[in-house]
Structure formats: C-alpha cells, structure tokens
C-alpha atoms as a PDB file:
ATOM      1  CA  UNK A   1      -7.322   1.084 -20.643  1.00  0.00           C
ATOM      2  CA  UNK A   2      -7.283  -0.098 -16.640  1.00  0.00           C
ATOM      3  CA  UNK A   3      -9.496   1.323 -14.574  1.00  0.00           C
ATOM      4  CA  UNK A   4      -8.154   1.973 -10.956  1.00  0.00           C
ATOM      5  CA  UNK A   5     -10.362   2.055  -8.095  1.00  0.00           C
ATOM      6  CA  UNK A   6      -8.603   3.970  -5.631  1.00  0.00           C
ATOM      7  CA  UNK A   7      -8.171   5.786  -2.508  1.00  0.00           C
ATOM      8  CA  UNK A   8      -4.711   7.256  -1.329  1.00  0.00           C
ATOM      9  CA  UNK A   9      -3.476   4.729   0.975  1.00  0.00           C
ATOM     10  CA  UNK A  10       0.091   3.058   0.834  1.00  0.00           C
ATOM     11  CA  UNK A  11      -1.927  -0.093  -0.784  1.00  0.00           C
ATOM     12  CA  UNK A  12      -3.182   2.580  -3.264  1.00  0.00           C
ATOM     13  CA  UNK A  13       0.203   3.957  -3.866  1.00  0.00           C
ATOM     14  CA  UNK A  14       1.721   0.636  -4.768  1.00  0.00           C
ATOM     15  CA  UNK A  15      -0.452   0.220  -7.694  1.00  0.00           C
ATOM     16  CA  UNK A  16      -0.498   3.845  -9.009  1.00  0.00           C
ATOM     17  CA  UNK A  17       3.270   4.170  -9.041  1.00  0.00           C
ATOM     18  CA  UNK A  18       3.273   0.563 -10.698  1.00  0.00           C
ATOM     19  CA  UNK A  19       0.891   2.146 -13.426  1.00  0.00           C
ATOM     20  CA  UNK A  20       3.361   5.190 -13.706  1.00  0.00           C
ATOM     21  CA  UNK A  21       6.491   3.240 -14.169  1.00  0.00           C
ATOM     22  CA  UNK A  22       4.743   0.966 -16.718  1.00  0.00           C
ATOM     23  CA  UNK A  23       3.673   4.320 -18.323  1.00  0.00           C
ATOM     24  CA  UNK A  24       0.131   2.949 -19.449  1.00  0.00           C
ATOM     25  CA  UNK A  25      -3.088   4.428 -19.633  1.00  0.00           C
ATOM     26  CA  UNK A  26      -5.565   4.230 -16.728  1.00  0.00           C
ATOM     27  CA  UNK A  27      -8.691   5.731 -15.556  1.00  0.00           C
ATOM     28  CA  UNK A  28      -9.028   6.690 -11.642  1.00  0.00           C
ATOM     29  CA  UNK A  29     -12.335   6.069 -10.013  1.00  0.00           C
ATOM     30  CA  UNK A  30     -12.086   7.108  -6.242  1.00  0.00           C
ATOM     31  CA  UNK A  31     -13.794   5.204  -3.875  1.00  0.00           C
ATOM     32  CA  UNK A  32     -14.757   7.701  -1.026  1.00  0.00           C
ATOM     33  CA  UNK A  33     -14.462   5.219   2.100  1.00  0.00           C
ATOM     34  CA  UNK A  34     -15.490   8.262   4.462  1.00  0.00           C
ATOM     35  CA  UNK A  35     -18.754   7.877   2.478  1.00  0.00           C
ATOM     36  CA  UNK A  36     -19.195   4.303   2.222  1.00  0.00           C
ATOM     37  CA  UNK A  37     -18.447   3.948  -1.544  1.00  0.00           C
ATOM     38  CA  UNK A  38     -16.851   0.767  -0.514  1.00  0.00           C
ATOM     39  CA  UNK A  39     -20.011  -0.777   0.446  1.00  0.00           C
ATOM     40  CA  UNK A  40     -22.024  -0.353  -2.844  1.00  0.00           C
ATOM     41  CA  UNK A  41     -22.968  -3.689  -4.965  1.00  0.00           C
ATOM     42  CA  UNK A  42     -21.612  -2.314  -8.146  1.00  0.00           C
ATOM     43  CA  UNK A  43     -17.820  -2.009  -6.276  1.00  0.00           C
ATOM     44  CA  UNK A  44     -18.370  -5.480  -4.409  1.00  0.00           C
ATOM     45  CA  UNK A  45     -18.452  -7.037  -7.943  1.00  0.00           C
ATOM     46  CA  UNK A  46     -14.720  -5.719  -8.281  1.00  0.00           C
ATOM     47  CA  UNK A  47     -13.357  -5.957  -5.144  1.00  0.00           C
ATOM     48  CA  UNK A  48     -15.806  -8.573  -2.706  1.00  0.00           C
ATOM     49  CA  UNK A  49     -13.564  -7.751   0.419  1.00  0.00           C
ATOM     50  CA  UNK A  50     -14.847  -4.053   0.043  1.00  0.00           C
ATOM     51  CA  UNK A  51     -11.277  -3.206   0.239  1.00  0.00           C
ATOM     52  CA  UNK A  52      -8.852  -0.945  -2.521  1.00  0.00           C
ATOM     53  CA  UNK A  53      -7.372  -0.254  -4.701  1.00  0.00           C
ATOM     54  CA  UNK A  54      -8.568  -2.928  -7.583  1.00  0.00           C
ATOM     55  CA  UNK A  55      -8.313  -2.791 -11.610  1.00  0.00           C
ATOM     56  CA  UNK A  56     -10.625  -3.445 -14.212  1.00  0.00           C
ATOM     57  CA  UNK A  57      -8.284  -4.390 -17.288  1.00  0.00           C
ATOM     58  CA  UNK A  58     -10.093  -3.977 -20.456  1.00  0.00           C
ATOM     59  CA  UNK A  59      -7.178  -3.847 -22.697  1.00  0.00           C
ATOM     60  CA  UNK A  60      -7.436  -7.880 -22.784  1.00  0.00           C
ATOM     61  CA  UNK A  61      -9.313 -10.246 -25.356  1.00  0.00           C
ATOM     62  CA  UNK A  62     -12.899 -11.149 -24.093  1.00  0.00           C
ATOM     63  CA  UNK A  63     -14.301  -9.808 -20.687  1.00  0.00           C
ATOM     64  CA  UNK A  64     -12.584  -7.540 -18.916  1.00  0.00           C
ATOM     65  CA  UNK A  65     -10.019  -8.780 -16.174  1.00  0.00           C
ATOM     66  CA  UNK A  66     -10.861  -7.455 -12.547  1.00  0.00           C
ATOM     67  CA  UNK A  67      -8.073  -8.196  -9.680  1.00  0.00           C
ATOM     68  CA  UNK A  68      -8.281  -6.809  -6.208  1.00  0.00           C
ATOM     69  CA  UNK A  69      -5.748  -7.206  -3.385  1.00  0.00           C
ATOM     70  CA  UNK A  70      -2.633  -4.763  -3.942  1.00  0.00           C
ATOM     71  CA  UNK A  71      -0.292  -7.852  -4.289  1.00  0.00           C
ATOM     72  CA  UNK A  72      -2.286  -9.943  -6.669  1.00  0.00           C
ATOM     73  CA  UNK A  73      -2.746  -6.709  -8.772  1.00  0.00           C
ATOM     74  CA  UNK A  74       1.033  -5.973  -8.863  1.00  0.00           C
ATOM     75  CA  UNK A  75       1.904  -9.425  -9.771  1.00  0.00           C
ATOM     76  CA  UNK A  76      -0.801  -9.300 -12.607  1.00  0.00           C
ATOM     77  CA  UNK A  77       0.878  -6.145 -14.316  1.00  0.00           C
ATOM     78  CA  UNK A  78       4.308  -7.183 -13.376  1.00  0.00           C
ATOM     79  CA  UNK A  79       3.559 -10.256 -15.687  1.00  0.00           C
ATOM     80  CA  UNK A  80       1.407  -8.978 -18.155  1.00  0.00           C
ATOM     81  CA  UNK A  81       3.723  -6.124 -19.322  1.00  0.00           C
ATOM     82  CA  UNK A  82       6.841  -8.448 -18.374  1.00  0.00           C
ATOM     83  CA  UNK A  83       8.319  -5.855 -16.144  1.00  0.00           C
ATOM     84  CA  UNK A  84       9.591  -4.996 -12.722  1.00  0.00           C
ATOM     85  CA  UNK A  85       9.876  -8.934 -11.962  1.00  0.00           C
ATOM     86  CA  UNK A  86      12.623 -11.122 -12.792  1.00  0.00           C
ATOM     87  CA  UNK A  87      12.152 -13.878 -15.285  1.00  0.00           C
ATOM     88  CA  UNK A  88      14.959 -16.116 -14.215  1.00  0.00           C
ATOM     89  CA  UNK A  89      13.290 -18.639 -11.127  1.00  0.00           C
ATOM     90  CA  UNK A  90      15.445 -17.034  -8.347  1.00  0.00           C
ATOM     91  CA  UNK A  91      15.558 -13.784  -8.940  1.00  0.00           C
ATOM     92  CA  UNK A  92      11.338 -14.221  -9.056  1.00  0.00           C
ATOM     93  CA  UNK A  93      11.051 -16.185  -5.929  1.00  0.00           C
ATOM     94  CA  UNK A  94      13.301 -13.550  -4.343  1.00  0.00           C
ATOM     95  CA  UNK A  95      10.827 -10.686  -5.236  1.00  0.00           C
ATOM     96  CA  UNK A  96       7.694 -12.878  -4.564  1.00  0.00           C
ATOM     97  CA  UNK A  97       9.310 -13.474  -1.172  1.00  0.00           C
ATOM     98  CA  UNK A  98       9.830  -9.590  -0.186  1.00  0.00           C
ATOM     99  CA  UNK A  99       5.982  -8.934  -1.776  1.00  0.00           C
ATOM    100  CA  UNK A 100       4.689 -11.386   0.367  1.00  0.00           C
ATOM    101  CA  UNK A 101       6.794 -10.308   3.519  1.00  0.00           C
ATOM    102  CA  UNK A 102       5.191  -6.834   3.080  1.00  0.00           C
ATOM    103  CA  UNK A 103       1.579  -8.028   2.385  1.00  0.00           C
ATOM    104  CA  UNK A 104       1.682 -10.431   5.726  1.00  0.00           C
ATOM    105  CA  UNK A 105       3.849  -8.565   7.776  1.00  0.00           C
ATOM    106  CA  UNK A 106       4.662  -4.621   7.326  1.00  0.00           C
ATOM    107  CA  UNK A 107       1.329  -3.610   5.667  1.00  0.00           C
ATOM    108  CA  UNK A 108      -0.629  -5.146   8.890  1.00  0.00           C
ATOM    109  CA  UNK A 109       1.734  -3.948  11.587  1.00  0.00           C
ATOM    110  CA  UNK A 110       1.656  -0.592  10.109  1.00  0.00           C
ATOM    111  CA  UNK A 111      -2.136  -0.608   9.784  1.00  0.00           C
ATOM    112  CA  UNK A 112      -2.628  -1.708  13.241  1.00  0.00           C
ATOM    113  CA  UNK A 113      -0.369   1.360  14.597  1.00  0.00           C
ATOM    114  CA  UNK A 114      -2.356   3.556  12.473  1.00  0.00           C
ATOM    115  CA  UNK A 115      -6.044   2.122  13.706  1.00  0.00           C
ATOM    116  CA  UNK A 116      -4.945   2.061  17.484  1.00  0.00           C
ATOM    117  CA  UNK A 117      -3.218   5.635  17.479  1.00  0.00           C
ATOM    118  CA  UNK A 118      -4.816   7.617  15.270  1.00  0.00           C
ATOM    119  CA  UNK A 119      -8.797   6.238  14.801  1.00  0.00           C
ATOM    120  CA  UNK A 120      -9.253   4.176  18.156  1.00  0.00           C
ATOM    121  CA  UNK A 121      -9.396   6.806  20.600  1.00  0.00           C
ATOM    122  CA  UNK A 122     -12.011   8.330  19.044  1.00  0.00           C
ATOM    123  CA  UNK A 123     -14.120   4.698  19.417  1.00  0.00           C
ATOM    124  CA  UNK A 124     -13.079   3.769  22.881  1.00  0.00           C
ATOM    125  CA  UNK A 125     -12.625   5.206  26.677  1.00  0.00           C
ATOM    126  CA  UNK A 126     -10.042   2.279  27.085  1.00  0.00           C
ATOM    127  CA  UNK A 127      -6.357   2.458  27.493  1.00  0.00           C
ATOM    128  CA  UNK A 128      -4.740   1.737  23.891  1.00  0.00           C
ATOM    129  CA  UNK A 129      -1.152   2.022  25.463  1.00  0.00           C
ATOM    130  CA  UNK A 130      -0.720  -2.226  24.850  1.00  0.00           C
ATOM    131  CA  UNK A 131      -1.885  -2.346  21.384  1.00  0.00           C
ATOM    132  CA  UNK A 132       0.020   0.979  20.126  1.00  0.00           C
ATOM    133  CA  UNK A 133       3.253  -0.802  21.964  1.00  0.00           C
ATOM    134  CA  UNK A 134       2.610  -4.241  20.549  1.00  0.00           C
ATOM    135  CA  UNK A 135       2.121  -2.850  17.100  1.00  0.00           C
ATOM    136  CA  UNK A 136       4.666  -0.584  17.052  1.00  0.00           C
ATOM    137  CA  UNK A 137       7.234  -2.949  18.370  1.00  0.00           C
ATOM    138  CA  UNK A 138       6.605  -5.378  15.725  1.00  0.00           C
ATOM    139  CA  UNK A 139       6.574  -2.220  12.948  1.00  0.00           C
ATOM    140  CA  UNK A 140      10.057  -1.502  14.569  1.00  0.00           C
ATOM    141  CA  UNK A 141      11.603  -5.086  14.025  1.00  0.00           C
ATOM    142  CA  UNK A 142      10.244  -5.083  10.616  1.00  0.00           C
ATOM    143  CA  UNK A 143      12.131  -1.887   9.652  1.00  0.00           C
ATOM    144  CA  UNK A 144      15.288  -3.449  11.082  1.00  0.00           C
ATOM    145  CA  UNK A 145      14.564  -6.696   8.834  1.00  0.00           C
ATOM    146  CA  UNK A 146      14.487  -4.370   5.679  1.00  0.00           C
ATOM    147  CA  UNK A 147      17.188  -2.099   6.776  1.00  0.00           C
ATOM    148  CA  UNK A 148      19.601  -4.768   7.415  1.00  0.00           C
ATOM    149  CA  UNK A 149      18.073  -6.191   3.653  1.00  0.00           C
ATOM    150  CA  UNK A 150      19.356  -3.131   2.235  1.00  0.00           C
ATOM    151  CA  UNK A 151      22.736  -2.819   3.573  1.00  0.00           C
ATOM    152  CA  UNK A 152      24.690  -4.229   0.722  1.00  0.00           C
ATOM    153  CA  UNK A 153      22.033  -3.329  -2.183  1.00  0.00           C
ATOM    154  CA  UNK A 154      20.100  -0.332  -3.746  1.00  0.00           C
ATOM    155  CA  UNK A 155      16.887  -2.167  -3.822  1.00  0.00           C
ATOM    156  CA  UNK A 156      15.350  -5.034  -1.712  1.00  0.00           C
ATOM    157  CA  UNK A 157      15.591  -7.741  -4.218  1.00  0.00           C
ATOM    158  CA  UNK A 158      18.815  -6.817  -6.157  1.00  0.00           C
ATOM    159  CA  UNK A 159      17.207  -4.461  -9.298  1.00  0.00           C
ATOM    160  CA  UNK A 160      14.009  -2.383  -8.880  1.00  0.00           C
ATOM    161  CA  UNK A 161      10.843  -4.441  -9.014  1.00  0.00           C
ATOM    162  CA  UNK A 162       7.349  -4.502  -7.413  1.00  0.00           C
ATOM    163  CA  UNK A 163       8.366  -5.690  -3.945  1.00  0.00           C
ATOM    164  CA  UNK A 164      10.298  -1.976  -3.708  1.00  0.00           C
ATOM    165  CA  UNK A 165       6.688  -0.611  -5.062  1.00  0.00           C
ATOM    166  CA  UNK A 166       5.041  -2.561  -2.164  1.00  0.00           C
ATOM    167  CA  UNK A 167       7.511  -1.963   0.538  1.00  0.00           C
ATOM    168  CA  UNK A 168       8.293   1.292   0.286  1.00  0.00           C
ATOM    169  CA  UNK A 169       4.646   2.586   0.083  1.00  0.00           C
ATOM    170  CA  UNK A 170       4.032   1.299   3.577  1.00  0.00           C
ATOM    171  CA  UNK A 171       7.819   2.460   5.037  1.00  0.00           C
ATOM    172  CA  UNK A 172       7.440   5.930   4.068  1.00  0.00           C
ATOM    173  CA  UNK A 173       4.403   6.009   6.483  1.00  0.00           C
ATOM    174  CA  UNK A 174       6.778   5.267   9.491  1.00  0.00           C
ATOM    175  CA  UNK A 175       7.144   8.799  10.415  1.00  0.00           C
ATOM    176  CA  UNK A 176       3.606   9.752  10.014  1.00  0.00           C
ATOM    177  CA  UNK A 177       2.921   7.310  12.894  1.00  0.00           C
ATOM    178  CA  UNK A 178       5.446   9.154  15.201  1.00  0.00           C
ATOM    179  CA  UNK A 179       8.396   7.122  14.609  1.00  0.00           C
ATOM    180  CA  UNK A 180      12.062   8.021  13.722  1.00  0.00           C
ATOM    181  CA  UNK A 181      13.465   6.793  10.755  1.00  0.00           C
ATOM    182  CA  UNK A 182      17.134   7.647  12.452  1.00  0.00           C
ATOM    183  CA  UNK A 183      17.617   4.077  13.325  1.00  0.00           C
ATOM    184  CA  UNK A 184      17.710   2.645   9.927  1.00  0.00           C
ATOM    185  CA  UNK A 185      19.896   4.518   7.788  1.00  0.00           C
ATOM    186  CA  UNK A 186      19.783   2.267   4.618  1.00  0.00           C
ATOM    187  CA  UNK A 187      15.892   2.552   4.626  1.00  0.00           C
ATOM    188  CA  UNK A 188      16.134   6.237   4.595  1.00  0.00           C
ATOM    189  CA  UNK A 189      18.635   6.208   1.797  1.00  0.00           C
ATOM    190  CA  UNK A 190      16.562   3.733  -0.042  1.00  0.00           C
ATOM    191  CA  UNK A 191      13.162   6.232   0.487  1.00  0.00           C
ATOM    192  CA  UNK A 192      15.075   8.802  -0.981  1.00  0.00           C
ATOM    193  CA  UNK A 193      16.250   6.525  -3.810  1.00  0.00           C
ATOM    194  CA  UNK A 194      12.927   5.696  -4.625  1.00  0.00           C
ATOM    195  CA  UNK A 195      11.939   9.500  -4.849  1.00  0.00           C
ATOM    196  CA  UNK A 196      14.302  10.214  -7.332  1.00  0.00           C
ATOM    197  CA  UNK A 197      11.879   8.175  -9.668  1.00  0.00           C
ATOM    198  CA  UNK A 198       9.468  10.530 -11.099  1.00  0.00           C
ATOM    199  CA  UNK A 199       6.407   7.677 -11.592  1.00  0.00           C
ATOM    200  CA  UNK A 200       6.876   7.064  -7.985  1.00  0.00           C
ATOM    201  CA  UNK A 201       6.589  10.753  -7.203  1.00  0.00           C
ATOM    202  CA  UNK A 202       3.802  10.979  -9.545  1.00  0.00           C
ATOM    203  CA  UNK A 203       1.919   7.936  -7.937  1.00  0.00           C
ATOM    204  CA  UNK A 204       2.606   8.755  -4.689  1.00  0.00           C
ATOM    205  CA  UNK A 205       1.004  12.204  -5.227  1.00  0.00           C
ATOM    206  CA  UNK A 206      -2.242  10.700  -6.944  1.00  0.00           C
ATOM    207  CA  UNK A 207      -5.403  12.133  -5.196  1.00  0.00           C
ATOM    208  CA  UNK A 208      -3.339  13.204  -2.261  1.00  0.00           C
ATOM    209  CA  UNK A 209      -5.724  15.939  -1.331  1.00  0.00           C
ATOM    210  CA  UNK A 210      -8.524  13.619  -0.851  1.00  0.00           C
ATOM    211  CA  UNK A 211      -6.399  11.588   1.867  1.00  0.00           C
ATOM    212  CA  UNK A 212      -8.034  11.412   5.526  1.00  0.00           C
ATOM    213  CA  UNK A 213      -5.273  12.379   7.773  1.00  0.00           C
ATOM    214  CA  UNK A 214      -5.989  12.180  11.573  1.00  0.00           C
ATOM    215  CA  UNK A 215      -9.420  13.024  11.256  1.00  0.00           C
ATOM    216  CA  UNK A 216     -12.152  13.883  13.474  1.00  0.00           C
ATOM    217  CA  UNK A 217     -14.724  11.390  12.373  1.00  0.00           C
ATOM    218  CA  UNK A 218     -18.413  12.141  12.420  1.00  0.00           C
ATOM    219  CA  UNK A 219     -20.773   9.261  13.676  1.00  0.00           C
ATOM    220  CA  UNK A 220     -21.710   8.572  10.363  1.00  0.00           C
ATOM    221  CA  UNK A 221     -18.332   8.457   9.250  1.00  0.00           C
ATOM    222  CA  UNK A 222     -17.449   6.115  12.028  1.00  0.00           C
ATOM    223  CA  UNK A 223     -20.146   4.007  10.586  1.00  0.00           C
ATOM    224  CA  UNK A 224     -18.809   3.901   7.380  1.00  0.00           C
ATOM    225  CA  UNK A 225     -15.517   3.199   8.321  1.00  0.00           C
ATOM    226  CA  UNK A 226     -15.844   0.641  11.185  1.00  0.00           C
ATOM    227  CA  UNK A 227     -19.627  -0.057  11.028  1.00  0.00           C
ATOM    228  CA  UNK A 228     -19.500   1.304  14.413  1.00  0.00           C
ATOM    229  CA  UNK A 229     -21.798   4.117  15.735  1.00  0.00           C
END
C-alpha cells in the first residue's frame, strides 16, 4: 500500500496518474493547503519542504520509504515497478532529461504565471504587468520547445513515459492562464492523445472537487498559503 499525500495541482496530477497507470493500491490523504495542513509536524516529517505530493510506501521490507518532490517520486515508482522508463542507457537518459526539463523549467514558469496572475493581485496594489509578461513569455517559449519536440513523435521521449506524465500535467494548465494552444498544434494533439488513456483521466480527476481555482482569499488563508497577513 502507498499513502499519497495529495492536493489537486499539476504536481499532484503527475503522481496520481502514475499510480493509476501502474494499477497499484494507494490511499489518498488530502493535505489542505488553505487550512495550513502542509505545516503540520507530522507532514513535515514526510515532506520537509512542506509541499505536495509526497508518498509513503509501505510495500517494502523494513521501515516504510518516504519520498517527497514529484520528480523523485516518479523516478522512484518507475524504478521500483520497472515501468515507464527505458532500461537501456540512451532511452533512460532521454526520459531523465525531459523530466528534469519540466522540473526546472515548465513547472516553475507556469507556477509563477499562476501566482502573479491569480493570487498576487489580492496581496499587493503594485503593477504586476512585468512579472506576468516575464513569466508568461518564458512559459510560451517552453511550450514551443515541446511543440517542436513532438513534431515527429507521439510522446516526449519516444515511448510513453514518466516524462509525458510530468510535462502533460503542466501543459494542460496553459489555457487556464489565459493563453491559446493554437500556436502549438503538436502539443494540442499530444494532450488529446494523453486524454485517451483512462489512467490519465482518472488521475487528473482525483479529488478535483478540492481544487482551488482563482479564489478570493481570506486573510487567514493568505497567511496559510503565503505566510502573509
């Protein structure tokens, strides 16, 4: 049994999709970021960076294994179950390159666009056009990178892999931020190709009713989310 500490965000979707694809038994434990659950001592023992997702794998010899950070979780599960990552060195390197590309590029840029366009207006009276444009332009550039990558292949690294799960979970958020996917026809086809996988749909919908979308934040919630009154 795997315990999944989860909140429905792109980083969480990666792991719920992976677990559904693997068909392993898992138990979802919601971590309510608006209520400050991420700062509870018992959660910090599992995820010292107070971020979701995180897992506790009880299906191992000895003490359960805890893993935090979505990229590390994907790699751990892929290696444990021998799926969604190539065994040959060339294929493995290719998947790891794109997994790390998402972790260091697309995810952070999309996250910053989301913050400045959605949450920051409630936190400051300053002009936010510069950060929104700055991070938005970089997100657009990165979407172009994967669009060119997908010009001659169905999946990011050839065969379907954890790289697709990681990148797709952020790519589908692109339109939520007010951008248009018409500039990226290969990405659009790939997104639909991913939606054809039942495990992707099921993983994406996990706890969807709890997702916070463009909320009006209370002062208490601002404190919990941003440590700002």
